[in-house]
PDB file of N, CA and C in Angstrom:
ATOM      1  N   MET A   1     152.512 104.738 110.070  1.00  0.00           N
ATOM      2  CA  MET A   1     153.311 103.542 109.860  1.00  0.00           C
ATOM      3  C   MET A   1     154.760 103.878 110.192  1.00  0.00           C
ATOM      4  N   SER A   2     155.350 103.100 111.060  1.00  0.00           N
ATOM      5  CA  SER A   2     156.728 103.361 111.451  1.00  0.00           C
ATOM      6  C   SER A   2     157.689 102.857 110.378  1.00  0.00           C
ATOM      7  N   ALA A   3     158.928 103.284 110.491  1.00  0.00           N
ATOM      8  CA  ALA A   3     159.932 102.876 109.510  1.00  0.00           C
ATOM      9  C   ALA A   3     160.176 101.374 109.562  1.00  0.00           C
ATOM     10  N   GLU A   4     160.150 100.793 110.780  1.00  0.00           N
ATOM     11  CA  GLU A   4     160.363  99.354 110.900  1.00  0.00           C
ATOM     12  C   GLU A   4     159.227  98.579 110.245  1.00  0.00           C
ATOM     13  N   GLN A   5     158.008  99.067 110.411  1.00  0.00           N
ATOM     14  CA  GLN A   5     156.852  98.407 109.806  1.00  0.00           C
ATOM     15  C   GLN A   5     156.949  98.470 108.280  1.00  0.00           C
ATOM     16  N   GLY A   6     157.422  99.596 107.746  1.00  0.00           N
ATOM     17  CA  GLY A   6     157.588  99.729 106.303  1.00  0.00           C
ATOM     18  C   GLY A   6     158.637  98.782 105.763  1.00  0.00           C
ATOM     19  N   LYS A   7     159.720  98.594 106.517  1.00  0.00           N
ATOM     20  CA  LYS A   7     160.761  97.667 106.079  1.00  0.00           C
ATOM     21  C   LYS A   7     160.255  96.231 106.102  1.00  0.00           C
ATOM     22  N   LYS A   8     159.426  95.907 107.101  1.00  0.00           N
ATOM     23  CA  LYS A   8     158.879  94.554 107.162  1.00  0.00           C
ATOM     24  C   LYS A   8     157.958  94.297 105.979  1.00  0.00           C
ATOM     25  N   THR A   9     157.105  95.268 105.681  1.00  0.00           N
ATOM     26  CA  THR A   9     156.191  95.108 104.553  1.00  0.00           C
ATOM     27  C   THR A   9     156.968  94.991 103.255  1.00  0.00           C
ATOM     28  N   SER A  10     157.981  95.815 103.091  1.00  0.00           N
ATOM     29  CA  SER A  10     158.815  95.746 101.894  1.00  0.00           C
ATOM     30  C   SER A  10     159.519  94.395 101.811  1.00  0.00           C
ATOM     31  N   GLY A  11     159.977  93.906 102.948  1.00  0.00           N
ATOM     32  CA  GLY A  11     160.654  92.611 102.968  1.00  0.00           C
ATOM     33  C   GLY A  11     159.746  91.493 102.503  1.00  0.00           C
ATOM     34  N   TYR A  12     158.498  91.492 103.002  1.00  0.00           N
ATOM     35  CA  TYR A  12     157.557  90.456 102.583  1.00  0.00           C
ATOM     36  C   TYR A  12     157.211  90.569 101.104  1.00  0.00           C
ATOM     37  N   LEU A  13     157.098  91.799 100.608  1.00  0.00           N
ATOM     38  CA  LEU A  13     156.798  91.986  99.189  1.00  0.00           C
ATOM     39  C   LEU A  13     157.970  91.555  98.306  1.00  0.00           C
ATOM     40  N   PHE A  14     159.204  91.838  98.752  1.00  0.00           N
ATOM     41  CA  PHE A  14     160.373  91.368  98.003  1.00  0.00           C
ATOM     42  C   PHE A  14     160.425  89.844  97.979  1.00  0.00           C
ATOM     43  N   LEU A  15     160.105  89.205  99.112  1.00  0.00           N
ATOM     44  CA  LEU A  15     160.081  87.739  99.153  1.00  0.00           C
ATOM     45  C   LEU A  15     159.035  87.181  98.198  1.00  0.00           C
ATOM     46  N   ALA A  16     157.864  87.801  98.167  1.00  0.00           N
ATOM     47  CA  ALA A  16     156.808  87.343  97.268  1.00  0.00           C
ATOM     48  C   ALA A  16     157.224  87.515  95.805  1.00  0.00           C
ATOM     49  N   ALA A  17     157.834  88.654  95.487  1.00  0.00           N
ATOM     50  CA  ALA A  17     158.284  88.886  94.113  1.00  0.00           C
ATOM     51  C   ALA A  17     159.361  87.881  93.722  1.00  0.00           C
ATOM     52  N   GLY A  18     160.282  87.609  94.641  1.00  0.00           N
ATOM     53  CA  GLY A  18     161.322  86.627  94.356  1.00  0.00           C
ATOM     54  C   GLY A  18     160.749  85.244  94.118  1.00  0.00           C
ATOM     55  N   ALA A  19     159.767  84.869  94.927  1.00  0.00           N
ATOM     56  CA  ALA A  19     159.133  83.557  94.746  1.00  0.00           C
ATOM     57  C   ALA A  19     158.428  83.487  93.388  1.00  0.00           C
ATOM     58  N   MET A  20     157.785  84.585  92.990  1.00  0.00           N
ATOM     59  CA  MET A  20     157.110  84.583  91.684  1.00  0.00           C
ATOM     60  C   MET A  20     158.111  84.485  90.538  1.00  0.00           C
ATOM     61  N   PHE A  21     159.246  85.161  90.661  1.00  0.00           N
ATOM     62  CA  PHE A  21     160.272  85.052  89.628  1.00  0.00           C
ATOM     63  C   PHE A  21     160.817  83.626  89.549  1.00  0.00           C
ATOM     64  N   LEU A  22     161.009  82.987  90.695  1.00  0.00           N
ATOM     65  CA  LEU A  22     161.518  81.617  90.687  1.00  0.00           C
ATOM     66  C   LEU A  22     160.503  80.650  90.083  1.00  0.00           C
ATOM     67  N   VAL A  23     159.230  80.863  90.365  1.00  0.00           N
ATOM     68  CA  VAL A  23     158.196  80.024  89.753  1.00  0.00           C
ATOM     69  C   VAL A  23     158.175  80.238  88.242  1.00  0.00           C
ATOM     70  N   ALA A  24     158.273  81.491  87.802  1.00  0.00           N
ATOM     71  CA  ALA A  24     158.300  81.776  86.367  1.00  0.00           C
ATOM     72  C   ALA A  24     159.527  81.161  85.714  1.00  0.00           C
ATOM     73  N   ALA A  25     160.659  81.195  86.410  1.00  0.00           N
ATOM     74  CA  ALA A  25     161.882  80.595  85.858  1.00  0.00           C
ATOM     75  C   ALA A  25     161.723  79.090  85.718  1.00  0.00           C
ATOM     76  N   TYR A  26     161.080  78.477  86.695  1.00  0.00           N
ATOM     77  CA  TYR A  26     160.888  77.028  86.648  1.00  0.00           C
ATOM     78  C   TYR A  26     159.913  76.632  85.546  1.00  0.00           C
ATOM     79  N   ILE A  27     158.793  77.357  85.463  1.00  0.00           N
ATOM     80  CA  ILE A  27     157.774  77.017  84.473  1.00  0.00           C
ATOM     81  C   ILE A  27     158.261  77.312  83.052  1.00  0.00           C
ATOM     82  N   GLY A  28     158.883  78.476  82.861  1.00  0.00           N
ATOM     83  CA  GLY A  28     159.278  78.894  81.528  1.00  0.00           C
ATOM     84  C   GLY A  28     160.671  78.485  81.107  1.00  0.00           C
ATOM     85  N   HIS A  29     161.403  77.797  81.988  1.00  0.00           N
ATOM     86  CA  HIS A  29     162.784  77.398  81.706  1.00  0.00           C
ATOM     87  C   HIS A  29     163.627  78.602  81.280  1.00  0.00           C
ATOM     88  N   LEU A  30     163.467  79.706  82.030  1.00  0.00           N
ATOM     89  CA  LEU A  30     164.194  80.941  81.740  1.00  0.00           C
ATOM     90  C   LEU A  30     165.326  81.100  82.751  1.00  0.00           C
ATOM     91  N   THR A  31     166.531  80.964  82.289  1.00  0.00           N
ATOM     92  CA  THR A  31     167.693  80.968  83.172  1.00  0.00           C
ATOM     93  C   THR A  31     167.900  82.309  83.864  1.00  0.00           C
ATOM     94  N   ALA A  32     167.657  83.400  83.171  1.00  0.00           N
ATOM     95  CA  ALA A  32     167.913  84.725  83.743  1.00  0.00           C
ATOM     96  C   ALA A  32     167.022  85.002  84.953  1.00  0.00           C
ATOM     97  N   PHE A  33     165.824  84.443  84.974  1.00  0.00           N
ATOM     98  CA  PHE A  33     164.905  84.698  86.077  1.00  0.00           C
ATOM     99  C   PHE A  33     165.373  84.051  87.378  1.00  0.00           C
ATOM    100  N   TRP A  34     166.214  83.029  87.309  1.00  0.00           N
ATOM    101  CA  TRP A  34     166.729  82.415  88.541  1.00  0.00           C
ATOM    102  C   TRP A  34     167.546  83.433  89.328  1.00  0.00           C
ATOM    103  N   GLY A  35     168.392  84.176  88.647  1.00  0.00           N
ATOM    104  CA  GLY A  35     169.211  85.187  89.311  1.00  0.00           C
ATOM    105  C   GLY A  35     168.384  86.342  89.851  1.00  0.00           C
ATOM    106  N   VAL A  36     167.404  86.777  89.065  1.00  0.00           N
ATOM    107  CA  VAL A  36     166.548  87.879  89.493  1.00  0.00           C
ATOM    108  C   VAL A  36     165.739  87.461  90.720  1.00  0.00           C
ATOM    109  N   GLY A  37     165.179  86.261  90.685  1.00  0.00           N
ATOM    110  CA  GLY A  37     164.412  85.765  91.819  1.00  0.00           C
ATOM    111  C   GLY A  37     165.243  85.616  93.068  1.00  0.00           C
ATOM    112  N   THR A  38     166.455  85.125  92.912  1.00  0.00           N
ATOM    113  CA  THR A  38     167.350  84.960  94.056  1.00  0.00           C
ATOM    114  C   THR A  38     167.702  86.312  94.669  1.00  0.00           C
ATOM    115  N   MET A  39     167.969  87.309  93.830  1.00  0.00           N
ATOM    116  CA  MET A  39     168.304  88.630  94.351  1.00  0.00           C
ATOM    117  C   MET A  39     167.116  89.263  95.077  1.00  0.00           C
ATOM    118  N   PHE A  40     165.901  89.070  94.562  1.00  0.00           N
ATOM    119  CA  PHE A  40     164.729  89.592  95.258  1.00  0.00           C
ATOM    120  C   PHE A  40     164.552  88.900  96.610  1.00  0.00           C
ATOM    121  N   LEU A  41     164.811  87.598  96.668  1.00  0.00           N
ATOM    122  CA  LEU A  41     164.723  86.895  97.950  1.00  0.00           C
ATOM    123  C   LEU A  41     165.751  87.444  98.937  1.00  0.00           C
ATOM    124  N   LEU A  42     166.963  87.675  98.474  1.00  0.00           N
ATOM    125  CA  LEU A  42     167.998  88.220  99.356  1.00  0.00           C
ATOM    126  C   LEU A  42     167.654  89.640  99.819  1.00  0.00           C
ATOM    127  N   LEU A  43     167.087  90.448  98.932  1.00  0.00           N
ATOM    128  CA  LEU A  43     166.655  91.790  99.335  1.00  0.00           C
ATOM    129  C   LEU A  43     165.544  91.718 100.382  1.00  0.00           C
ATOM    130  N   GLY A  44     164.637  90.775 100.216  1.00  0.00           N
ATOM    131  CA  GLY A  44     163.561  90.612 101.186  1.00  0.00           C
ATOM    132  C   GLY A  44     164.076  90.211 102.550  1.00  0.00           C
ATOM    133  N   VAL A  45     165.021  89.278 102.575  1.00  0.00           N
ATOM    134  CA  VAL A  45     165.620  88.856 103.846  1.00  0.00           C
ATOM    135  C   VAL A  45     166.357  90.025 104.484  1.00  0.00           C
ATOM    136  N   ALA A  46     167.068  90.801 103.692  1.00  0.00           N
ATOM    137  CA  ALA A  46     167.800  91.956 104.231  1.00  0.00           C
ATOM    138  C   ALA A  46     166.839  92.984 104.829  1.00  0.00           C
ATOM    139  N   CYS A  47     165.723  93.230 104.166  1.00  0.00           N
ATOM    140  CA  CYS A  47     164.739  94.184 104.707  1.00  0.00           C
ATOM    141  C   CYS A  47     164.131  93.667 106.000  1.00  0.00           C
ATOM    142  N   LEU A  48     163.851  92.376 106.060  1.00  0.00           N
ATOM    143  CA  LEU A  48     163.274  91.818 107.281  1.00  0.00           C
ATOM    144  C   LEU A  48     164.261  91.861 108.438  1.00  0.00           C
ATOM    145  N   VAL A  49     165.523  91.618 108.143  1.00  0.00           N
ATOM    146  CA  VAL A  49     166.540  91.677 109.209  1.00  0.00           C
ATOM    147  C   VAL A  49     166.703  93.102 109.708  1.00  0.00           C
ATOM    148  N   LYS A  50     166.696  94.082 108.799  1.00  0.00           N
ATOM    149  CA  LYS A  50     166.820  95.476 109.209  1.00  0.00           C
ATOM    150  C   LYS A  50     165.597  95.962 109.978  1.00  0.00           C
ATOM    151  N   GLY A  51     164.422  95.421 109.668  1.00  0.00           N
ATOM    152  CA  GLY A  51     163.209  95.847 110.336  1.00  0.00           C
ATOM    153  C   GLY A  51     162.899  95.079 111.603  1.00  0.00           C
ATOM    154  N   ARG A  52     163.783  94.181 111.989  1.00  0.00           N
ATOM    155  CA  ARG A  52     163.553  93.368 113.185  1.00  0.00           C
ATOM    156  C   ARG A  52     163.595  94.238 114.440  1.00  0.00           C
ATOM    157  N   ASP A  53     162.785  93.880 115.421  1.00  0.00           N
ATOM    158  CA  ASP A  53     162.783  94.613 116.683  1.00  0.00           C
ATOM    159  C   ASP A  53     164.103  94.429 117.407  1.00  0.00           C
ATOM    160  N   LYS A  54     164.645  95.517 117.864  1.00  0.00           N
ATOM    161  CA  LYS A  54     165.895  95.459 118.622  1.00  0.00           C
ATOM    162  C   LYS A  54     165.553  95.688 120.084  1.00  0.00           C
ATOM    163  N   SER A  55     165.151  94.606 120.753  1.00  0.00           N
ATOM    164  CA  SER A  55     164.742  94.715 122.140  1.00  0.00           C
ATOM    165  C   SER A  55     165.962  94.844 123.049  1.00  0.00           C
ATOM    166  N   PRO A  56     165.948  95.798 123.957  1.00  0.00           N
ATOM    167  CA  PRO A  56     167.085  95.942 124.882  1.00  0.00           C
ATOM    168  C   PRO A  56     167.099  94.802 125.895  1.00  0.00           C
ATOM    169  N   GLU A  57     168.291  94.333 126.155  1.00  0.00           N
ATOM    170  CA  GLU A  57     168.434  93.225 127.104  1.00  0.00           C
ATOM    171  C   GLU A  57     169.153  93.655 128.342  1.00  0.00           C
TER     172      GLU A  57
END
């Protein structure tokens, strides 16, 4: 598994975790989970951007 593939997988897992935290925050009316979910989503996006293919042009 290459480093880029690992970052992509991590990015998708961070996005999934963030979505689960946001669902839990919505269902349980837990304010703190909104921030945690948002940060996991941002970490997932950052991992996906770093793992993106850099094709030479």
